[in-house]
Protein backbone atom coordinates (compact mmCIF):
# COMPACT_ATOMS: atom_id res chain seq x y z
CA MET A 1 87.61 48.66 93.41
CA LYS A 2 84.86 50.23 95.38
CA ILE A 3 84.66 53.77 93.87
CA LEU A 4 86.37 55.52 90.96
CA GLY A 5 86.27 59.30 90.78
CA ILE A 6 86.71 61.34 87.72
CA GLY A 7 87.17 65.10 88.12
CA ASN A 8 89.24 68.20 87.64
CA ALA A 9 92.77 67.52 88.85
CA ILE A 10 93.43 70.90 90.48
CA VAL A 11 96.10 72.10 92.92
CA ASP A 12 94.53 74.29 95.60
CA VAL A 13 96.29 77.46 96.68
CA ILE A 14 94.65 78.53 99.96
CA CYS A 15 94.73 82.22 101.03
CA LYS A 16 92.93 84.29 103.72
CA VAL A 17 91.40 87.58 102.51
CA GLU A 18 89.15 90.26 103.77
CA ASP A 19 85.54 90.72 102.29
CA LYS A 20 86.76 93.82 100.47
CA PHE A 21 89.24 91.77 98.35
CA ILE A 22 86.22 89.71 97.03
CA SER A 23 84.22 92.90 96.03
CA GLN A 24 87.27 94.79 94.67
CA ASN A 25 87.99 91.90 92.30
CA ASN A 26 84.43 91.55 91.20
CA LEU A 27 84.01 88.05 92.66
CA THR A 28 80.82 86.49 94.00
CA LYS A 29 81.30 85.14 97.48
CA SER A 30 80.87 81.35 97.90
CA THR A 31 81.02 80.59 94.18
CA MET A 32 83.64 79.63 91.66
CA LYS A 33 84.94 81.79 88.77
CA LEU A 34 86.89 80.55 85.84
CA VAL A 35 89.85 82.71 84.75
CA ASP A 36 92.76 82.49 82.34
CA GLU A 37 96.41 81.95 83.46
CA ALA A 38 97.25 85.67 83.33
CA GLU A 39 94.43 86.71 85.61
CA PHE A 40 95.15 83.90 87.96
CA LYS A 41 98.82 84.91 88.30
CA LYS A 42 97.77 88.61 88.77
CA LEU A 43 95.49 87.78 91.65
CA LEU A 44 97.97 85.38 93.27
CA SER A 45 100.74 87.97 93.16
CA THR A 46 98.78 90.10 95.64
CA LEU A 47 98.17 87.36 98.19
CA LYS A 48 99.90 85.54 101.05
CA VAL A 49 99.63 81.77 100.51
CA GLU A 50 98.58 79.74 103.56
CA GLU A 51 98.94 76.30 102.00
CA THR A 52 99.26 74.51 98.67
CA VAL A 53 97.62 71.09 98.39
CA SER A 54 96.29 68.62 95.81
CA GLY A 55 92.60 69.34 95.41
CA GLY A 56 89.63 69.02 93.17
CA SER A 57 86.12 68.29 94.39
CA VAL A 58 85.76 64.59 93.55
CA ALA A 59 89.44 64.01 94.41
CA ASN A 60 88.76 65.42 97.86
CA SER A 61 85.81 62.93 98.22
CA ILE A 62 87.96 60.01 96.96
CA VAL A 63 90.75 60.86 99.44
CA GLY A 64 88.17 60.89 102.26
CA LEU A 65 86.99 57.48 101.12
CA ALA A 66 90.51 56.16 101.08
CA GLN A 67 91.08 57.48 104.62
CA LEU A 68 87.99 55.51 105.67
CA GLY A 69 89.71 52.34 104.35
CA ASN A 70 88.04 51.95 100.92
CA LYS A 71 89.85 50.80 97.77
CA VAL A 72 89.46 53.75 95.48
CA GLY A 73 90.87 55.35 92.25
CA PHE A 74 90.88 58.63 90.53
CA ILE A 75 91.18 59.91 86.92
CA GLY A 76 92.05 63.52 86.27
CA LYS A 77 94.25 65.30 83.72
CA VAL A 78 97.53 66.88 84.77
CA SER A 79 100.64 67.88 82.88
CA ASP A 80 104.05 66.49 83.49
CA ASP A 81 105.19 69.61 85.33
CA ASP A 82 106.02 70.53 88.91
CA LEU A 83 102.41 70.89 90.05
CA GLY A 84 101.32 67.72 88.17
CA GLY A 85 104.06 65.74 89.98
CA LYS A 86 102.89 67.10 93.37
CA TYR A 87 99.29 66.38 92.49
CA GLU A 88 100.10 62.73 91.67
CA GLU A 89 102.26 62.42 94.89
CA GLY A 90 99.35 63.80 97.00
CA LEU A 91 97.02 61.08 95.76
CA LYS A 92 99.49 58.24 96.14
CA LYS A 93 100.38 59.31 99.62
CA GLU A 94 96.69 58.84 100.50
CA ASN A 95 96.49 55.29 98.90
CA VAL A 96 94.42 56.44 95.93
CA GLN A 97 95.24 54.70 92.65
CA PHE A 98 95.84 57.27 89.94
CA PHE A 99 94.58 55.99 86.59
CA TYR A 100 96.22 58.57 84.38
CA SER A 101 99.67 58.56 82.76
CA LYS A 102 100.83 62.21 82.74
CA LYS A 103 102.77 63.65 79.88
CA LYS A 104 104.07 67.09 79.02
CA GLU A 105 101.09 69.14 77.87
CA VAL A 106 101.03 72.54 76.15
CA ILE A 107 98.81 73.89 78.94
CA PRO A 108 100.02 73.54 82.59
CA THR A 109 98.35 71.68 85.44
CA GLY A 110 95.26 73.44 86.78
CA THR A 111 95.16 75.55 89.93
CA CYS A 112 92.44 76.97 92.11
CA LEU A 113 92.75 80.03 94.46
CA ILE A 114 90.64 79.33 97.50
CA LEU A 115 89.92 82.60 99.16
CA ILE A 116 88.79 82.28 102.74
CA THR A 117 87.02 85.32 104.21
CA PRO A 118 86.63 86.05 108.00
CA ASP A 119 83.12 84.36 107.95
CA SER A 120 84.94 81.07 106.90
CA GLU A 121 83.13 81.15 103.50
CA ARG A 122 85.29 80.14 100.53
CA THR A 123 85.30 81.81 97.15
CA MET A 124 87.15 80.06 94.31
CA VAL A 125 89.10 81.44 91.36
CA THR A 126 90.07 78.58 89.00
CA PHE A 127 92.53 78.32 86.19
CA LEU A 128 91.55 74.85 84.82
CA GLY A 129 94.69 74.38 82.90
CA THR A 130 95.01 71.03 81.28
CA ALA A 131 92.30 69.51 83.69
CA GLY A 132 89.68 71.19 81.52
CA LYS A 133 91.08 69.46 78.37
CA ILE A 134 90.14 65.98 79.51
CA ASN A 135 88.91 63.77 76.62
CA GLU A 136 87.53 60.31 76.10
CA ASP A 137 91.06 58.85 75.46
CA ASP A 138 91.95 59.89 79.11
CA ILE A 139 89.20 57.60 80.51
CA ASP A 140 90.44 54.14 81.59
CA LYS A 141 87.41 52.03 80.47
CA SER A 142 88.71 48.98 82.41
CA ALA A 143 88.94 50.96 85.62
CA VAL A 144 85.42 52.30 85.22
CA LYS A 145 83.99 48.80 84.56
CA LYS A 146 85.85 47.41 87.63
CA SER A 147 84.45 50.01 90.04
CA GLU A 148 81.24 49.49 91.86
CA ILE A 149 80.39 53.18 91.72
CA LEU A 150 81.59 55.92 89.37
CA PHE A 151 81.67 59.37 90.96
CA LEU A 152 81.70 62.50 88.77
CA GLU A 153 81.65 66.24 89.39
CA GLY A 154 79.69 68.96 87.74
CA TYR A 155 82.83 71.05 87.63
CA LEU A 156 84.22 68.77 85.02
CA TRP A 157 81.30 68.82 82.63
CA ASP A 158 81.72 71.00 79.61
CA GLU A 159 80.73 71.01 75.92
CA GLY A 160 83.07 69.21 73.50
CA GLU A 161 85.81 66.83 74.71
CA PRO A 162 84.90 66.77 78.43
CA LYS A 163 81.31 65.91 77.62
CA LYS A 164 82.61 62.97 75.49
CA ALA A 165 84.80 61.78 78.40
CA PHE A 166 81.72 62.01 80.75
CA GLU A 167 79.64 59.99 78.29
CA LYS A 168 82.24 57.32 77.87
CA ALA A 169 82.61 56.95 81.64
CA ILE A 170 78.82 56.87 82.26
CA ASN A 171 78.23 54.32 79.50
CA ASN A 172 80.76 51.94 81.00
CA SER A 173 79.79 52.32 84.61
CA ASN A 174 77.88 49.94 86.86
CA LYS A 175 76.33 52.74 88.94
CA VAL A 176 76.95 56.41 88.68
CA ALA A 177 76.89 59.31 91.21
CA MET A 178 77.51 62.95 90.56
CA SER A 179 77.80 66.15 92.53
CA LEU A 180 76.23 69.26 90.90
CA SER A 181 79.27 71.04 92.40
CA ASP A 182 78.39 74.72 92.31
CA LEU A 183 75.58 77.19 91.47
CA PHE A 184 77.82 78.56 88.71
CA CYS A 185 77.97 75.10 87.05
CA VAL A 186 74.18 74.57 87.41
CA GLU A 187 73.32 77.88 85.81
CA ARG A 188 75.84 77.38 83.05
CA HIS A 189 74.75 73.82 82.18
CA LYS A 190 71.17 73.62 83.46
CA PRO A 191 69.44 71.67 80.61
CA HIS A 192 72.28 69.14 80.48
CA PHE A 193 72.47 68.65 84.22
CA LEU A 194 68.74 68.21 84.34
CA GLU A 195 68.96 65.45 81.64
CA LEU A 196 71.78 63.78 83.66
CA VAL A 197 69.78 63.87 86.89
CA LYS A 198 66.58 62.52 85.31
CA ASN A 199 68.00 59.89 83.00
CA LYS A 200 71.70 59.05 83.66
CA LEU A 201 72.55 59.31 87.34
CA ASP A 202 71.71 56.81 90.07
CA ILE A 203 72.81 59.19 92.86
CA THR A 204 72.84 63.01 92.76
CA PHE A 205 74.50 65.18 95.45
CA ALA A 206 73.39 68.86 95.58
CA ASN A 207 73.03 71.64 98.10
CA GLU A 208 69.60 73.29 98.53
CA GLN A 209 70.33 76.27 96.26
CA GLU A 210 71.79 74.13 93.48
CA ILE A 211 68.78 71.76 93.30
CA MET A 212 66.24 74.58 93.51
CA THR A 213 67.95 76.46 90.67
CA LEU A 214 68.25 73.25 88.62
CA ILE A 215 64.48 72.69 88.56
CA ASP A 216 63.45 76.37 88.76
CA VAL A 217 61.47 76.32 92.02
CA LYS A 218 61.19 78.81 94.87
CA LYS A 219 59.99 76.40 97.64
CA PHE A 220 61.83 73.41 99.03
CA ASP A 221 58.63 71.32 99.12
CA GLU A 222 58.73 71.41 95.27
CA VAL A 223 62.17 69.84 95.35
CA ILE A 224 60.85 67.00 97.48
CA ASN A 225 57.99 66.48 95.01
CA PHE A 226 60.48 66.46 92.05
CA ALA A 227 62.75 63.97 93.73
CA LYS A 228 59.94 61.64 94.72
CA ASN A 229 58.92 61.31 91.23
CA LEU A 230 62.35 60.14 90.15
CA ASN A 231 63.45 56.54 90.59
CA LYS A 232 66.78 57.88 91.77
CA LEU A 233 68.59 58.74 95.06
CA ILE A 234 68.80 62.46 95.61
CA ILE A 235 71.04 63.67 98.46
CA ILE A 236 70.64 67.34 99.51
CA THR A 237 72.78 69.23 102.01
CA ARG A 238 70.97 72.09 103.67
CA GLY A 239 73.61 73.85 105.85
CA GLU A 240 72.33 74.33 109.34
CA LYS A 241 69.17 72.40 108.52
CA GLY A 242 71.19 69.27 108.03
CA ALA A 243 70.94 66.79 105.12
CA MET A 244 68.24 64.86 103.41
CA ALA A 245 68.04 61.74 101.20
CA ILE A 246 65.00 61.21 98.95
CA ASN A 247 64.39 57.93 97.11
CA LYS A 248 60.88 57.57 95.65
CA ASN A 249 58.54 58.13 98.65
CA LYS A 250 61.18 57.54 101.28
CA ILE A 251 62.75 60.50 102.97
CA GLU A 252 65.61 60.30 105.46
CA GLU A 253 67.03 63.25 107.34
CA CYS A 254 70.04 63.96 109.46
CA SER A 255 70.58 67.06 111.67
CA ALA A 256 73.64 69.28 111.28
CA LYS A 257 76.27 69.19 114.07
CA SER A 258 76.19 72.19 116.43
CA ASN A 259 78.81 74.05 118.44
CA LEU A 260 81.58 73.58 115.82
CA LYS A 261 84.59 75.88 115.65
CA ILE A 262 84.27 76.61 111.92
CA LYS A 263 87.48 77.70 110.23
CA ASP A 264 86.97 76.98 106.54
CA LEU A 265 83.96 75.64 104.56
CA THR A 266 86.18 74.43 101.73
CA GLY A 267 85.50 70.68 101.14
CA ALA A 268 82.37 70.44 103.31
CA GLY A 269 80.32 69.07 100.38
CA ASP A 270 83.19 66.95 99.09
CA LEU A 271 83.71 65.17 102.42
CA PHE A 272 80.01 64.89 103.02
CA ALA A 273 79.72 63.04 99.67
CA GLY A 274 82.74 60.88 100.55
CA GLY A 275 81.30 59.96 103.90
CA PHE A 276 77.89 59.22 102.50
CA LEU A 277 79.31 56.98 99.78
CA HIS A 278 81.44 55.14 102.27
CA GLY A 279 78.25 54.20 104.20
CA TYR A 280 76.35 53.39 101.03
CA ILE A 281 79.01 51.19 99.46
CA ASN A 282 79.52 49.27 102.77
CA ASN A 283 75.86 48.42 103.15
CA LYS A 284 74.92 51.00 105.82
CA THR A 285 71.41 52.31 105.87
CA ILE A 286 70.73 55.59 104.07
CA LYS A 287 70.22 57.25 107.53
CA GLU A 288 73.57 55.94 108.75
CA SER A 289 75.23 57.08 105.45
CA LEU A 290 73.83 60.62 105.97
CA GLU A 291 75.27 60.55 109.50
CA ILE A 292 78.74 59.47 108.31
CA GLY A 293 78.68 62.20 105.66
CA THR A 294 77.70 64.78 108.28
CA GLU A 295 80.44 63.57 110.60
CA MET A 296 83.08 63.89 107.84
CA SER A 297 81.79 67.30 106.84
CA SER A 298 81.87 68.50 110.40
CA LYS A 299 85.51 67.52 110.76
CA ILE A 300 86.76 69.22 107.59
CA ILE A 301 85.17 72.62 108.29
CA GLN A 302 87.10 72.84 111.54
CA ILE A 303 90.43 72.86 109.83
CA ILE A 304 91.97 74.88 106.91
CA GLY A 305 91.81 73.02 103.59
CA ALA A 306 89.76 70.22 102.06
CA ARG A 307 91.73 67.17 103.17
CA LEU A 308 91.72 65.63 106.61
CA LYS A 309 95.11 64.97 108.03
CA ARG A 310 95.85 61.30 108.82
């Protein structure tokens, strides 16, 4: 197997809203907020649903990799309920091997409200459900060992059982990549993420704001200096400024695509990571891998949702 992803198994509920909905509900645009089931249902009851689809950050990347012809797998915790069944079906339909045997859990399958404002930005409200209860027993050690690259998401990391699951996966991996996922995650787990980036990860994906917050700097040049001093591959997406890969003293850049009809930025980072890893695992150059990531990202932001249609 080329790549095994481990992440939050979340069903995405996509809704279009006005900016005032974001402010009225004390949400911060373009970030993710964790809520309990009651608050999630309350918000959902006021909205018109555009689409419901299997989601989760790393799962979106893994589906993109499968669509590009790679043999891939995914581990994520769902319950044996209606949404859990739909989640598993969604992966299998995309030729992703699901290394998790679902059973009836006390807590239901996780869901994420993806709120799309007129500027195409996405704000997420997540009820993690049983996805956030992943533990080391849920990690298929054999699947991790058989994969060339293990791909993790910052959204999944948390103290307690999820941390143990993370550590078991990393300790049995051949090579490990991780996305920092979201500014909320970086601020919440800064010392832990910094330790992972410096000492555990081979490849780190971040956007400009996330990496600058992680290392507490105000200028991007300081990010470059930080990354050069690591013997790691750091991939940074910079919006309209394109994307950059830093590995020791070598820097590669790729321009952003222009004249796109942007509909929804959900999944832009996920598909970028999927595209980059496709190039990387299939022996493309770093520059070519950045270009494939940019191409995939450009496609996804021109449709609603975080999965490309076959």
